Amino acid sequence: MCAIALSLAYPVREYVAQRSQIAQLQKREAAARRDVRELAEKKARLGDPEYIKREARSRLHFCDPGEQCYVVLDGQGGTSEQEREAGPARTPPWYETLWKSVEAADRQG
């Protein structure tokens, strides 16, 4: 009787280990499917010319041809009282970040 129990112990242990591994893989698969779905939605948005135009205007401060665009600063580093009260500051435009990194590299070298 003891020999039968011992001969079944290893297969049962392997079965339980495989079941937990299957559960983990199913969770990873679900996460990967969510990522794929989000990326597909992002790809669809990036195919929309209006979305691209909106993003270019908001992130890169692009203007339409013939349009005059202004960036108004109040002399306090680009943040007004309203922006400070509104909550967390938004990220600066890419060119400001680039210029700050160039200045920092120049100071170090």
PDB file of N, CA and C in Angstrom:
ATOM      1  N   MET A   1       0.819  -1.182   0.000  1.00  0.00           N
ATOM      2  CA  MET A   1       0.000   0.000   0.000  1.00  0.00           C
ATOM      3  C   MET A   1       0.874   1.261   0.000  1.00  0.00           C
ATOM      4  N   CYS A   2       1.926   1.193   0.790  1.00  0.00           N
ATOM      5  CA  CYS A   2       2.841   2.328   0.890  1.00  0.00           C
ATOM      6  C   CYS A   2       3.535   2.569  -0.459  1.00  0.00           C
ATOM      7  N   ALA A   3       3.859   1.513  -1.152  1.00  0.00           N
ATOM      8  CA  ALA A   3       4.526   1.637  -2.449  1.00  0.00           C
ATOM      9  C   ALA A   3       3.606   2.313  -3.466  1.00  0.00           C
ATOM     10  N   ILE A   4       2.325   2.006  -3.419  1.00  0.00           N
ATOM     11  CA  ILE A   4       1.354   2.634  -4.338  1.00  0.00           C
ATOM     12  C   ILE A   4       1.255   4.125  -4.039  1.00  0.00           C
ATOM     13  N   ALA A   5       1.168   4.485  -2.763  1.00  0.00           N
ATOM     14  CA  ALA A   5       1.071   5.890  -2.381  1.00  0.00           C
ATOM     15  C   ALA A   5       2.315   6.654  -2.816  1.00  0.00           C
ATOM     16  N   LEU A   6       3.494   6.039  -2.631  1.00  0.00           N
ATOM     17  CA  LEU A   6       4.724   6.699  -3.036  1.00  0.00           C
ATOM     18  C   LEU A   6       4.838   6.817  -4.553  1.00  0.00           C
ATOM     19  N   SER A   7       4.316   5.820  -5.257  1.00  0.00           N
ATOM     20  CA  SER A   7       4.389   5.877  -6.718  1.00  0.00           C
ATOM     21  C   SER A   7       3.429   6.918  -7.280  1.00  0.00           C
ATOM     22  N   LEU A   8       2.393   7.277  -6.543  1.00  0.00           N
ATOM     23  CA  LEU A   8       1.448   8.292  -7.007  1.00  0.00           C
ATOM     24  C   LEU A   8       1.837   9.701  -6.548  1.00  0.00           C
ATOM     25  N   ALA A   9       2.705   9.844  -5.580  1.00  0.00           N
ATOM     26  CA  ALA A   9       3.052  11.148  -5.021  1.00  0.00           C
ATOM     27  C   ALA A   9       3.698  12.061  -6.075  1.00  0.00           C
ATOM     28  N   TYR A  10       4.646  11.546  -6.817  1.00  0.00           N
ATOM     29  CA  TYR A  10       5.337  12.372  -7.814  1.00  0.00           C
ATOM     30  C   TYR A  10       4.399  12.842  -8.924  1.00  0.00           C
ATOM     31  N   PRO A  11       3.588  11.970  -9.531  1.00  0.00           N
ATOM     32  CA  PRO A  11       2.669  12.446 -10.577  1.00  0.00           C
ATOM     33  C   PRO A  11       1.650  13.467 -10.049  1.00  0.00           C
ATOM     34  N   VAL A  12       1.181  13.279  -8.834  1.00  0.00           N
ATOM     35  CA  VAL A  12       0.227  14.239  -8.270  1.00  0.00           C
ATOM     36  C   VAL A  12       0.903  15.587  -8.049  1.00  0.00           C
ATOM     37  N   ARG A  13       2.136  15.561  -7.546  1.00  0.00           N
ATOM     38  CA  ARG A  13       2.876  16.800  -7.331  1.00  0.00           C
ATOM     39  C   ARG A  13       3.117  17.518  -8.657  1.00  0.00           C
ATOM     40  N   GLU A  14       3.485  16.782  -9.680  1.00  0.00           N
ATOM     41  CA  GLU A  14       3.697  17.370 -11.001  1.00  0.00           C
ATOM     42  C   GLU A  14       2.403  17.947 -11.561  1.00  0.00           C
ATOM     43  N   TYR A  15       1.301  17.249 -11.351  1.00  0.00           N
ATOM     44  CA  TYR A  15      -0.004  17.729 -11.820  1.00  0.00           C
ATOM     45  C   TYR A  15      -0.347  19.064 -11.168  1.00  0.00           C
ATOM     46  N   VAL A  16      -0.149  19.162  -9.873  1.00  0.00           N
ATOM     47  CA  VAL A  16      -0.447  20.406  -9.152  1.00  0.00           C
ATOM     48  C   VAL A  16       0.480  21.525  -9.632  1.00  0.00           C
ATOM     49  N   ALA A  17       1.743  21.230  -9.820  1.00  0.00           N
ATOM     50  CA  ALA A  17       2.693  22.242 -10.294  1.00  0.00           C
ATOM     51  C   ALA A  17       2.320  22.720 -11.697  1.00  0.00           C
ATOM     52  N   GLN A  18       1.904  21.806 -12.555  1.00  0.00           N
ATOM     53  CA  GLN A  18       1.519  22.182 -13.906  1.00  0.00           C
ATOM     54  C   GLN A  18       0.241  23.011 -13.909  1.00  0.00           C
ATOM     55  N   ARG A  19      -0.680  22.704 -13.024  1.00  0.00           N
ATOM     56  CA  ARG A  19      -1.921  23.486 -12.935  1.00  0.00           C
ATOM     57  C   ARG A  19      -1.615  24.922 -12.515  1.00  0.00           C
ATOM     58  N   SER A  20      -0.708  25.108 -11.567  1.00  0.00           N
ATOM     59  CA  SER A  20      -0.357  26.476 -11.150  1.00  0.00           C
ATOM     60  C   SER A  20       0.383  27.203 -12.268  1.00  0.00           C
ATOM     61  N   GLN A  21       1.219  26.478 -12.996  1.00  0.00           N
ATOM     62  CA  GLN A  21       1.926  27.087 -14.122  1.00  0.00           C
ATOM     63  C   GLN A  21       0.935  27.492 -15.215  1.00  0.00           C
ATOM     64  N   ILE A  22      -0.061  26.660 -15.460  1.00  0.00           N
ATOM     65  CA  ILE A  22      -1.088  26.987 -16.457  1.00  0.00           C
ATOM     66  C   ILE A  22      -1.843  28.240 -16.036  1.00  0.00           C
ATOM     67  N   ALA A  23      -2.164  28.350 -14.754  1.00  0.00           N
ATOM     68  CA  ALA A  23      -2.878  29.539 -14.262  1.00  0.00           C
ATOM     69  C   ALA A  23      -2.039  30.800 -14.457  1.00  0.00           C
ATOM     70  N   GLN A  24      -0.731  30.713 -14.166  1.00  0.00           N
ATOM     71  CA  GLN A  24       0.146  31.861 -14.358  1.00  0.00           C
ATOM     72  C   GLN A  24       0.237  32.246 -15.829  1.00  0.00           C
ATOM     73  N   LEU A  25       0.336  31.254 -16.693  1.00  0.00           N
ATOM     74  CA  LEU A  25       0.419  31.532 -18.130  1.00  0.00           C
ATOM     75  C   LEU A  25      -0.880  32.138 -18.647  1.00  0.00           C
ATOM     76  N   GLN A  26      -2.003  31.727 -18.109  1.00  0.00           N
ATOM     77  CA  GLN A  26      -3.278  32.310 -18.523  1.00  0.00           C
ATOM     78  C   GLN A  26      -3.355  33.780 -18.113  1.00  0.00           C
ATOM     79  N   LYS A  27      -2.835  34.108 -16.933  1.00  0.00           N
ATOM     80  CA  LYS A  27      -2.811  35.507 -16.500  1.00  0.00           C
ATOM     81  C   LYS A  27      -1.917  36.333 -17.415  1.00  0.00           C
ATOM     82  N   ARG A  28      -0.751  35.785 -17.772  1.00  0.00           N
ATOM     83  CA  ARG A  28       0.155  36.496 -18.671  1.00  0.00           C
ATOM     84  C   ARG A  28      -0.466  36.670 -20.052  1.00  0.00           C
ATOM     85  N   GLU A  29      -1.192  35.648 -20.501  1.00  0.00           N
ATOM     86  CA  GLU A  29      -1.859  35.743 -21.798  1.00  0.00           C
ATOM     87  C   GLU A  29      -2.914  36.834 -21.780  1.00  0.00           C
ATOM     88  N   ALA A  30      -3.694  36.916 -20.699  1.00  0.00           N
ATOM     89  CA  ALA A  30      -4.727  37.947 -20.587  1.00  0.00           C
ATOM     90  C   ALA A  30      -4.093  39.341 -20.601  1.00  0.00           C
ATOM     91  N   ALA A  31      -2.971  39.501 -19.899  1.00  0.00           N
ATOM     92  CA  ALA A  31      -2.280  40.792 -19.886  1.00  0.00           C
ATOM     93  C   ALA A  31      -1.744  41.128 -21.282  1.00  0.00           C
ATOM     94  N   ALA A  32      -1.209  40.142 -21.966  1.00  0.00           N
ATOM     95  CA  ALA A  32      -0.692  40.369 -23.319  1.00  0.00           C
ATOM     96  C   ALA A  32      -1.824  40.735 -24.274  1.00  0.00           C
ATOM     97  N   ARG A  33      -2.964  40.101 -24.123  1.00  0.00           N
ATOM     98  CA  ARG A  33      -4.121  40.439 -24.974  1.00  0.00           C
ATOM     99  C   ARG A  33      -4.596  41.867 -24.710  1.00  0.00           C
ATOM    100  N   ARG A  34      -4.581  42.293 -23.435  1.00  0.00           N
ATOM    101  CA  ARG A  34      -4.951  43.678 -23.123  1.00  0.00           C
ATOM    102  C   ARG A  34      -3.976  44.647 -23.778  1.00  0.00           C
ATOM    103  N   ASP A  35      -2.678  44.322 -23.696  1.00  0.00           N
ATOM    104  CA  ASP A  35      -1.669  45.183 -24.316  1.00  0.00           C
ATOM    105  C   ASP A  35      -1.873  45.269 -25.827  1.00  0.00           C
ATOM    106  N   VAL A  36      -2.166  44.145 -26.446  1.00  0.00           N
ATOM    107  CA  VAL A  36      -2.393  44.127 -27.896  1.00  0.00           C
ATOM    108  C   VAL A  36      -3.611  44.973 -28.246  1.00  0.00           C
ATOM    109  N   ARG A  37      -4.667  44.853 -27.453  1.00  0.00           N
ATOM    110  CA  ARG A  37      -5.881  45.630 -27.710  1.00  0.00           C
ATOM    111  C   ARG A  37      -5.604  47.126 -27.563  1.00  0.00           C
ATOM    112  N   GLU A  38      -4.864  47.507 -26.512  1.00  0.00           N
ATOM    113  CA  GLU A  38      -4.528  48.921 -26.316  1.00  0.00           C
ATOM    114  C   GLU A  38      -3.656  49.446 -27.449  1.00  0.00           C
ATOM    115  N   LEU A  39      -2.700  48.632 -27.892  1.00  0.00           N
ATOM    116  CA  LEU A  39      -1.833  49.058 -28.998  1.00  0.00           C
ATOM    117  C   LEU A  39      -2.609  49.177 -30.308  1.00  0.00           C
ATOM    118  N   ALA A  40      -3.568  48.294 -30.512  1.00  0.00           N
ATOM    119  CA  ALA A  40      -4.397  48.380 -31.722  1.00  0.00           C
ATOM    120  C   ALA A  40      -5.241  49.657 -31.697  1.00  0.00           C
ATOM    121  N   GLU A  41      -5.757  50.003 -30.513  1.00  0.00           N
ATOM    122  CA  GLU A  41      -6.529  51.245 -30.401  1.00  0.00           C
ATOM    123  C   GLU A  41      -5.636  52.457 -30.650  1.00  0.00           C
ATOM    124  N   LYS A  42      -4.418  52.408 -30.125  1.00  0.00           N
ATOM    125  CA  LYS A  42      -3.484  53.506 -30.340  1.00  0.00           C
ATOM    126  C   LYS A  42      -3.124  53.623 -31.822  1.00  0.00           C
ATOM    127  N   LYS A  43      -2.939  52.484 -32.468  1.00  0.00           N
ATOM    128  CA  LYS A  43      -2.622  52.486 -33.900  1.00  0.00           C
ATOM    129  C   LYS A  43      -3.773  53.098 -34.692  1.00  0.00           C
ATOM    130  N   ALA A  44      -5.004  52.773 -34.320  1.00  0.00           N
ATOM    131  CA  ALA A  44      -6.164  53.336 -35.006  1.00  0.00           C
ATOM    132  C   ALA A  44      -6.212  54.850 -34.805  1.00  0.00           C
ATOM    133  N   ARG A  45      -5.920  55.308 -33.580  1.00  0.00           N
ATOM    134  CA  ARG A  45      -5.915  56.756 -33.325  1.00  0.00           C
ATOM    135  C   ARG A  45      -4.838  57.441 -34.141  1.00  0.00           C
ATOM    136  N   LEU A  46      -3.662  56.817 -34.235  1.00  0.00           N
ATOM    137  CA  LEU A  46      -2.565  57.424 -34.974  1.00  0.00           C
ATOM    138  C   LEU A  46      -2.826  57.466 -36.472  1.00  0.00           C
ATOM    139  N   GLY A  47      -3.775  56.690 -36.948  1.00  0.00           N
ATOM    140  CA  GLY A  47      -4.147  56.731 -38.356  1.00  0.00           C
ATOM    141  C   GLY A  47      -5.131  57.848 -38.665  1.00  0.00           C
ATOM    142  N   ASP A  48      -5.668  58.493 -37.639  1.00  0.00           N
ATOM    143  CA  ASP A  48      -6.652  59.564 -37.816  1.00  0.00           C
ATOM    144  C   ASP A  48      -5.925  60.901 -37.959  1.00  0.00           C
ATOM    145  N   PRO A  49      -6.068  61.582 -39.105  1.00  0.00           N
ATOM    146  CA  PRO A  49      -5.360  62.861 -39.303  1.00  0.00           C
ATOM    147  C   PRO A  49      -5.753  63.934 -38.289  1.00  0.00           C
ATOM    148  N   GLU A  50      -6.994  63.936 -37.852  1.00  0.00           N
ATOM    149  CA  GLU A  50      -7.426  64.932 -36.870  1.00  0.00           C
ATOM    150  C   GLU A  50      -6.731  64.714 -35.527  1.00  0.00           C
ATOM    151  N   TYR A  51      -6.561  63.468 -35.139  1.00  0.00           N
ATOM    152  CA  TYR A  51      -5.857  63.165 -33.886  1.00  0.00           C
ATOM    153  C   TYR A  51      -4.405  63.621 -33.975  1.00  0.00           C
ATOM    154  N   ILE A  52      -3.764  63.357 -35.111  1.00  0.00           N
ATOM    155  CA  ILE A  52      -2.376  63.769 -35.308  1.00  0.00           C
ATOM    156  C   ILE A  52      -2.264  65.290 -35.240  1.00  0.00           C
ATOM    157  N   LYS A  53      -3.205  65.971 -35.867  1.00  0.00           N
ATOM    158  CA  LYS A  53      -3.188  67.428 -35.858  1.00  0.00           C
ATOM    159  C   LYS A  53      -3.350  67.963 -34.427  1.00  0.00           C
ATOM    160  N   ARG A  54      -4.285  67.376 -33.687  1.00  0.00           N
ATOM    161  CA  ARG A  54      -4.512  67.796 -32.298  1.00  0.00           C
ATOM    162  C   ARG A  54      -3.265  67.586 -31.443  1.00  0.00           C
ATOM    163  N   GLU A  55      -2.641  66.418 -31.598  1.00  0.00           N
ATOM    164  CA  GLU A  55      -1.438  66.115 -30.818  1.00  0.00           C
ATOM    165  C   GLU A  55      -0.285  67.053 -31.194  1.00  0.00           C
ATOM    166  N   ALA A  56      -0.124  67.337 -32.484  1.00  0.00           N
ATOM    167  CA  ALA A  56       0.948  68.235 -32.917  1.00  0.00           C
ATOM    168  C   ALA A  56       0.736  69.630 -32.358  1.00  0.00           C
ATOM    169  N   ARG A  57      -0.500  70.083 -32.328  1.00  0.00           N
ATOM    170  CA  ARG A  57      -0.785  71.417 -31.787  1.00  0.00           C
ATOM    171  C   ARG A  57      -0.543  71.461 -30.278  1.00  0.00           C
ATOM    172  N   SER A  58      -0.967  70.438 -29.562  1.00  0.00           N
ATOM    173  CA  SER A  58      -0.853  70.488 -28.106  1.00  0.00           C
ATOM    174  C   SER A  58       0.562  70.168 -27.625  1.00  0.00           C
ATOM    175  N   ARG A  59       1.226  69.201 -28.232  1.00  0.00           N
ATOM    176  CA  ARG A  59       2.547  68.795 -27.758  1.00  0.00           C
ATOM    177  C   ARG A  59       3.682  69.592 -28.353  1.00  0.00           C
ATOM    178  N   LEU A  60       3.599  69.872 -29.644  1.00  0.00           N
ATOM    179  CA  LEU A  60       4.723  70.502 -30.346  1.00  0.00           C
ATOM    180  C   LEU A  60       4.459  71.962 -30.691  1.00  0.00           C
ATOM    181  N   HIS A  61       3.272  72.477 -30.351  1.00  0.00           N
ATOM    182  CA  HIS A  61       2.901  73.871 -30.606  1.00  0.00           C
ATOM    183  C   HIS A  61       2.934  74.191 -32.093  1.00  0.00           C
ATOM    184  N   PHE A  62       2.500  73.251 -32.932  1.00  0.00           N
ATOM    185  CA  PHE A  62       2.423  73.494 -34.359  1.00  0.00           C
ATOM    186  C   PHE A  62       1.238  74.399 -34.651  1.00  0.00           C
ATOM    187  N   CYS A  63       1.341  75.143 -35.740  1.00  0.00           N
ATOM    188  CA  CYS A  63       0.266  76.022 -36.172  1.00  0.00           C
ATOM    189  C   CYS A  63      -0.052  75.717 -37.631  1.00  0.00           C
ATOM    190  N   ASP A  64      -1.287  76.009 -38.010  1.00  0.00           N
ATOM    191  CA  ASP A  64      -1.668  75.853 -39.408  1.00  0.00           C
ATOM    192  C   ASP A  64      -1.005  76.945 -40.232  1.00  0.00           C
ATOM    193  N   PRO A  65      -0.796  76.688 -41.539  1.00  0.00           N
ATOM    194  CA  PRO A  65      -0.207  77.721 -42.393  1.00  0.00           C
ATOM    195  C   PRO A  65      -1.086  78.973 -42.384  1.00  0.00           C
ATOM    196  N   GLY A  66      -0.446  80.115 -42.249  1.00  0.00           N
ATOM    197  CA  GLY A  66      -1.168  81.381 -42.222  1.00  0.00           C
ATOM    198  C   GLY A  66      -1.711  81.750 -40.849  1.00  0.00           C
ATOM    199  N   GLU A  67      -1.610  80.875 -39.898  1.00  0.00           N
ATOM    200  CA  GLU A  67      -2.119  81.134 -38.557  1.00  0.00           C
ATOM    201  C   GLU A  67      -0.984  81.686 -37.695  1.00  0.00           C
ATOM    202  N   GLN A  68      -1.303  82.659 -36.851  1.00  0.00           N
ATOM    203  CA  GLN A  68      -0.294  83.202 -35.939  1.00  0.00           C
ATOM    204  C   GLN A  68      -0.511  82.580 -34.576  1.00  0.00           C
ATOM    205  N   CYS A  69       0.531  81.947 -34.068  1.00  0.00           N
ATOM    206  CA  CYS A  69       0.446  81.304 -32.765  1.00  0.00           C
ATOM    207  C   CYS A  69       1.364  82.026 -31.797  1.00  0.00           C
ATOM    208  N   TYR A  70       0.941  82.084 -30.558  1.00  0.00           N
ATOM    209  CA  TYR A  70       1.714  82.752 -29.526  1.00  0.00           C
ATOM    210  C   TYR A  70       1.850  81.836 -28.325  1.00  0.00           C
ATOM    211  N   VAL A  71       2.991  81.939 -27.663  1.00  0.00           N
ATOM    212  CA  VAL A  71       3.196  81.286 -26.377  1.00  0.00           C
ATOM    213  C   VAL A  71       3.383  82.419 -25.383  1.00  0.00           C
ATOM    214  N   VAL A  72       2.442  82.552 -24.472  1.00  0.00           N
ATOM    215  CA  VAL A  72       2.455  83.661 -23.526  1.00  0.00           C
ATOM    216  C   VAL A  72       3.080  83.193 -22.223  1.00  0.00           C
ATOM    217  N   LEU A  73       4.128  83.908 -21.789  1.00  0.00           N
ATOM    218  CA  LEU A  73       4.783  83.618 -20.523  1.00  0.00           C
ATOM    219  C   LEU A  73       4.575  84.805 -19.595  1.00  0.00           C
ATOM    220  N   ASP A  74       4.429  84.543 -18.328  1.00  0.00           N
ATOM    221  CA  ASP A  74       4.185  85.615 -17.373  1.00  0.00           C
ATOM    222  C   ASP A  74       5.448  86.038 -16.629  1.00  0.00           C
ATOM    223  N   GLY A  75       6.607  85.577 -17.047  1.00  0.00           N
ATOM    224  CA  GLY A  75       7.848  85.967 -16.420  1.00  0.00           C
ATOM    225  C   GLY A  75       8.218  85.129 -15.210  1.00  0.00           C
ATOM    226  N   GLN A  76       7.471  84.102 -14.910  1.00  0.00           N
ATOM    227  CA  GLN A  76       7.746  83.252 -13.753  1.00  0.00           C
ATOM    228  C   GLN A  76       8.074  81.839 -14.190  1.00  0.00           C
ATOM    229  N   GLY A  77       8.860  81.720 -15.212  1.00  0.00           N
ATOM    230  CA  GLY A  77       9.274  80.401 -15.668  1.00  0.00           C
ATOM    231  C   GLY A  77       8.187  79.643 -16.397  1.00  0.00           C
ATOM    232  N   GLY A  78       7.197  80.338 -16.908  1.00  0.00           N
ATOM    233  CA  GLY A  78       6.149  79.676 -17.688  1.00  0.00           C
ATOM    234  C   GLY A  78       5.012  79.132 -16.859  1.00  0.00           C
ATOM    235  N   THR A  79       4.992  79.373 -15.531  1.00  0.00           N
ATOM    236  CA  THR A  79       3.881  78.899 -14.721  1.00  0.00           C
ATOM    237  C   THR A  79       3.177  80.075 -14.078  1.00  0.00           C
ATOM    238  N   SER A  80       1.904  80.175 -14.273  1.00  0.00           N
ATOM    239  CA  SER A  80       1.128  81.243 -13.671  1.00  0.00           C
ATOM    240  C   SER A  80       0.492  80.748 -12.378  1.00  0.00           C
ATOM    241  N   GLU A  81      -0.155  81.649 -11.655  1.00  0.00           N
ATOM    242  CA  GLU A  81      -0.818  81.254 -10.406  1.00  0.00           C
ATOM    243  C   GLU A  81      -1.926  80.250 -10.673  1.00  0.00           C
ATOM    244  N   GLN A  82      -2.627  80.430 -11.769  1.00  0.00           N
ATOM    245  CA  GLN A  82      -3.710  79.499 -12.106  1.00  0.00           C
ATOM    246  C   GLN A  82      -3.163  78.106 -12.363  1.00  0.00           C
ATOM    247  N   GLU A  83      -2.037  78.007 -13.048  1.00  0.00           N
ATOM    248  CA  GLU A  83      -1.450  76.698 -13.325  1.00  0.00           C
ATOM    249  C   GLU A  83      -0.954  76.043 -12.050  1.00  0.00           C
ATOM    250  N   ARG A  84      -0.376  76.847 -11.140  1.00  0.00           N
ATOM    251  CA  ARG A  84       0.104  76.278  -9.880  1.00  0.00           C
ATOM    252  C   ARG A  84      -1.047  75.785  -9.022  1.00  0.00           C
ATOM    253  N   GLU A  85      -2.170  76.498  -9.044  1.00  0.00           N
ATOM    254  CA  GLU A  85      -3.328  76.090  -8.251  1.00  0.00           C
ATOM    255  C   GLU A  85      -4.052  74.902  -8.876  1.00  0.00           C
ATOM    256  N   ALA A  86      -3.909  74.730 -10.182  1.00  0.00           N
ATOM    257  CA  ALA A  86      -4.631  73.678 -10.896  1.00  0.00           C
ATOM    258  C   ALA A  86      -4.148  72.286 -10.524  1.00  0.00           C
ATOM    259  N   GLY A  87      -2.960  72.163  -9.982  1.00  0.00           N
ATOM    260  CA  GLY A  87      -2.470  70.841  -9.608  1.00  0.00           C
ATOM    261  C   GLY A  87      -1.107  70.574 -10.192  1.00  0.00           C
ATOM    262  N   PRO A  88      -0.845  69.313 -10.531  1.00  0.00           N
ATOM    263  CA  PRO A  88       0.479  68.958 -11.032  1.00  0.00           C
ATOM    264  C   PRO A  88       0.773  69.644 -12.365  1.00  0.00           C
ATOM    265  N   ALA A  89       2.022  70.045 -12.506  1.00  0.00           N
ATOM    266  CA  ALA A  89       2.433  70.733 -13.720  1.00  0.00           C
ATOM    267  C   ALA A  89       2.490  69.749 -14.879  1.00  0.00           C
ATOM    268  N   ARG A  90       2.170  70.246 -16.063  1.00  0.00           N
ATOM    269  CA  ARG A  90       2.247  69.388 -17.240  1.00  0.00           C
ATOM    270  C   ARG A  90       3.695  69.316 -17.685  1.00  0.00           C
ATOM    271  N   THR A  91       4.010  68.330 -18.495  1.00  0.00           N
ATOM    272  CA  THR A  91       5.386  68.171 -18.956  1.00  0.00           C
ATOM    273  C   THR A  91       5.725  69.283 -19.941  1.00  0.00           C
ATOM    274  N   PRO A  92       6.956  69.778 -19.892  1.00  0.00           N
ATOM    275  CA  PRO A  92       7.337  70.850 -20.816  1.00  0.00           C
ATOM    276  C   PRO A  92       7.448  70.300 -22.238  1.00  0.00           C
ATOM    277  N   PRO A  93       7.405  71.188 -23.226  1.00  0.00           N
ATOM    278  CA  PRO A  93       7.572  70.743 -24.615  1.00  0.00           C
ATOM    279  C   PRO A  93       8.928  70.069 -24.808  1.00  0.00           C
ATOM    280  N   TRP A  94       9.021  69.247 -25.824  1.00  0.00           N
ATOM    281  CA  TRP A  94      10.220  68.449 -26.053  1.00  0.00           C
ATOM    282  C   TRP A  94      11.448  69.302 -26.257  1.00  0.00           C
ATOM    283  N   TYR A  95      11.284  70.479 -26.904  1.00  0.00           N
ATOM    284  CA  TYR A  95      12.456  71.289 -27.201  1.00  0.00           C
ATOM    285  C   TYR A  95      13.026  71.930 -25.932  1.00  0.00           C
ATOM    286  N   GLU A  96      12.167  72.209 -24.934  1.00  0.00           N
ATOM    287  CA  GLU A  96      12.689  72.739 -23.671  1.00  0.00           C
ATOM    288  C   GLU A  96      13.517  71.675 -22.946  1.00  0.00           C
ATOM    289  N   THR A  97      13.022  70.447 -22.944  1.00  0.00           N
ATOM    290  CA  THR A  97      13.755  69.358 -22.316  1.00  0.00           C
ATOM    291  C   THR A  97      15.097  69.140 -23.022  1.00  0.00           C
ATOM    292  N   LEU A  98      15.073  69.190 -24.342  1.00  0.00           N
ATOM    293  CA  LEU A  98      16.307  69.021 -25.110  1.00  0.00           C
ATOM    294  C   LEU A  98      17.301  70.125 -24.778  1.00  0.00           C
ATOM    295  N   TRP A  99      16.820  71.372 -24.743  1.00  0.00           N
ATOM    296  CA  TRP A  99      17.723  72.484 -24.481  1.00  0.00           C
ATOM    297  C   TRP A  99      18.297  72.407 -23.068  1.00  0.00           C
ATOM    298  N   LYS A 100      17.482  72.020 -22.096  1.00  0.00           N
ATOM    299  CA  LYS A 100      17.972  71.885 -20.724  1.00  0.00           C
ATOM    300  C   LYS A 100      19.053  70.805 -20.633  1.00  0.00           C
ATOM    301  N   SER A 101      18.893  69.718 -21.384  1.00  0.00           N
ATOM    302  CA  SER A 101      19.909  68.680 -21.359  1.00  0.00           C
ATOM    303  C   SER A 101      21.203  69.147 -22.013  1.00  0.00           C
ATOM    304  N   VAL A 102      21.094  69.986 -23.061  1.00  0.00           N
ATOM    305  CA  VAL A 102      22.291  70.532 -23.704  1.00  0.00           C
ATOM    306  C   VAL A 102      23.007  71.468 -22.720  1.00  0.00           C
ATOM    307  N   GLU A 103      22.243  72.317 -22.025  1.00  0.00           N
ATOM    308  CA  GLU A 103      22.850  73.223 -21.048  1.00  0.00           C
ATOM    309  C   GLU A 103      23.515  72.450 -19.915  1.00  0.00           C
ATOM    310  N   ALA A 104      22.863  71.407 -19.439  1.00  0.00           N
ATOM    311  CA  ALA A 104      23.431  70.603 -18.349  1.00  0.00           C
ATOM    312  C   ALA A 104      24.715  69.926 -18.809  1.00  0.00           C
ATOM    313  N   ALA A 105      24.747  69.419 -20.029  1.00  0.00           N
ATOM    314  CA  ALA A 105      25.953  68.769 -20.547  1.00  0.00           C
ATOM    315  C   ALA A 105      27.079  69.774 -20.703  1.00  0.00           C
ATOM    316  N   ASP A 106      26.732  71.002 -21.078  1.00  0.00           N
ATOM    317  CA  ASP A 106      27.744  72.040 -21.243  1.00  0.00           C
ATOM    318  C   ASP A 106      28.348  72.438 -19.896  1.00  0.00           C
ATOM    319  N   ARG A 107      27.539  72.491 -18.858  1.00  0.00           N
ATOM    320  CA  ARG A 107      28.037  72.838 -17.533  1.00  0.00           C
ATOM    321  C   ARG A 107      28.956  71.756 -16.980  1.00  0.00           C
ATOM    322  N   GLN A 108      28.668  70.496 -17.282  1.00  0.00           N
ATOM    323  CA  GLN A 108      29.466  69.409 -16.750  1.00  0.00           C
ATOM    324  C   GLN A 108      30.808  69.279 -17.454  1.00  0.00           C
ATOM    325  N   GLY A 109      30.850  69.599 -18.719  1.00  0.00           N
ATOM    326  CA  GLY A 109      32.073  69.368 -19.498  1.00  0.00           C
ATOM    327  C   GLY A 109      32.851  70.560 -19.611  1.00  0.00           C
TER     328      GLY A 109
END
